[in-house]
Protein backbone atom coordinates (compact mmCIF):
# COMPACT_ATOMS: atom_id res chain seq x y z
CA UNK A 1 -9.74 -6.30 93.58
CA UNK A 2 -10.34 -8.67 90.67
CA UNK A 3 -14.07 -8.40 91.32
CA UNK A 4 -13.93 -4.61 91.06
CA UNK A 5 -11.91 -4.80 87.86
CA UNK A 6 -14.36 -7.32 86.41
CA UNK A 7 -17.27 -5.08 87.47
CA UNK A 8 -15.74 -1.96 85.87
CA UNK A 9 -14.99 -3.83 82.63
CA UNK A 10 -18.55 -5.17 82.57
CA UNK A 11 -20.03 -1.70 83.13
CA UNK A 12 -17.86 -0.21 80.38
CA UNK A 13 -18.88 -2.99 77.99
CA UNK A 14 -22.52 -2.37 78.89
CA UNK A 15 -22.14 1.37 78.24
CA UNK A 16 -20.37 0.77 74.89
CA UNK A 17 -23.06 -1.69 73.87
CA UNK A 18 -25.90 0.68 74.80
CA UNK A 19 -24.22 3.56 72.93
CA UNK A 20 -23.91 1.28 69.87
CA UNK A 21 -27.61 0.38 70.09
CA UNK A 22 -28.62 4.05 70.30
CA UNK A 23 -26.43 4.93 67.31
CA UNK A 24 -27.88 2.07 65.25
CA UNK A 25 -31.47 3.07 66.08
CA UNK A 26 -30.72 6.67 65.12
CA UNK A 27 -29.23 5.58 61.79
CA UNK A 28 -32.20 3.27 61.22
CA UNK A 29 -34.65 6.13 61.78
CA UNK A 30 -32.73 8.40 59.39
CA UNK A 31 -32.72 5.71 56.71
CA UNK A 32 -36.45 5.11 57.21
CA UNK A 33 -37.15 8.84 56.81
CA UNK A 34 -35.09 8.89 53.58
CA UNK A 35 -36.99 5.82 52.35
CA UNK A 36 -40.33 7.52 52.96
CA UNK A 37 -39.15 10.63 51.13
CA UNK A 38 -37.96 8.54 48.16
CA UNK A 39 -41.31 6.71 48.06
CA UNK A 40 -43.18 10.03 48.09
CA UNK A 41 -41.04 11.27 45.19
CA UNK A 42 -41.69 8.01 43.32
CA UNK A 43 -45.44 8.38 43.82
CA UNK A 44 -45.33 11.99 42.59
CA UNK A 45 -43.36 10.89 39.52
CA UNK A 46 -45.96 8.18 38.80
CA UNK A 47 -48.76 10.75 39.01
CA UNK A 48 -46.89 13.05 36.62
CA UNK A 49 -46.22 10.14 34.24
CA UNK A 50 -49.90 9.19 34.18
CA UNK A 51 -50.90 12.80 33.56
CA UNK A 52 -48.41 13.11 30.71
CA UNK A 53 -49.65 9.88 29.11
CA UNK A 54 -53.24 11.17 29.23
CA UNK A 55 -52.16 14.50 27.79
CA UNK A 56 -50.25 12.78 24.98
CA UNK A 57 -53.26 10.61 24.14
CA UNK A 58 -55.49 13.69 24.06
CA UNK A 59 -53.07 15.63 21.87
CA UNK A 60 -52.70 12.74 19.43
CA UNK A 61 -56.45 12.19 19.03
CA UNK A 62 -57.28 12.20 15.30
CA UNK A 63 -60.56 14.10 15.66
CA UNK A 64 -58.88 16.86 17.61
CA UNK A 65 -56.11 17.21 15.03
CA UNK A 66 -58.61 17.35 12.19
CA UNK A 67 -60.73 19.91 14.03
CA UNK A 68 -57.69 22.15 14.60
CA UNK A 69 -56.66 21.80 10.96
CA UNK A 70 -60.10 23.00 9.89
CA UNK A 71 -60.46 25.86 12.37
CA UNK A 72 -56.94 27.21 12.82
CA UNK A 73 -55.42 26.45 9.42
CA UNK A 74 -58.53 26.60 7.26
CA UNK A 75 -57.87 23.17 5.79
CA UNK A 76 -60.62 21.01 4.27
CA UNK A 77 -60.74 17.50 2.91
CA UNK A 78 -60.15 17.35 -0.84
CA UNK A 79 -63.24 16.58 -2.92
CA UNK A 80 -61.54 13.80 -4.78
CA UNK A 81 -58.17 12.26 -4.58
CA UNK A 82 -56.23 11.24 -7.66
CA UNK A 83 -52.83 9.77 -8.19
CA UNK A 84 -50.63 11.13 -10.92
CA UNK A 85 -47.86 8.86 -12.16
CA UNK A 86 -44.99 10.29 -14.14
CA UNK A 87 -41.97 8.63 -15.63
CA UNK A 88 -38.70 9.66 -14.10
CA UNK A 89 -36.59 11.81 -16.38
CA UNK A 90 -33.32 10.23 -17.40
CA UNK A 91 -31.00 12.01 -19.82
CA UNK A 92 -30.34 8.93 -21.89
CA UNK A 93 -33.97 7.79 -21.93
CA UNK A 94 -34.87 9.93 -24.95
CA UNK A 95 -31.80 8.71 -26.85
CA UNK A 96 -32.60 5.13 -25.97
CA UNK A 97 -36.20 5.41 -27.19
CA UNK A 98 -35.05 7.18 -30.34
CA UNK A 99 -32.67 4.27 -30.98
CA UNK A 100 -35.48 1.71 -30.60
CA UNK A 101 -37.64 3.55 -33.08
CA UNK A 102 -34.84 3.61 -35.65
CA UNK A 103 -34.32 -0.14 -35.57
């Protein structure tokens, strides 16, 4: 009788253990599939990032910007560049200078 009880307990433990192994393998496979999907999304994001960096570099190219300014906006380089300096206007500046001249 004790042998049969021991045998039944052993068989039940074996069944519980095998069910646990099957459940763990199933969960492992699901996690692996999710990992592969996440890696594929990461790779796609890297490709998009590289494409956007190339596009930004192309859009920011000085020659391209100058060419568009000439063709689309009709802009040209100025013949000569000069700098005009003016004194800032201050209300009391004229009074102050008039006072210096009177002294």
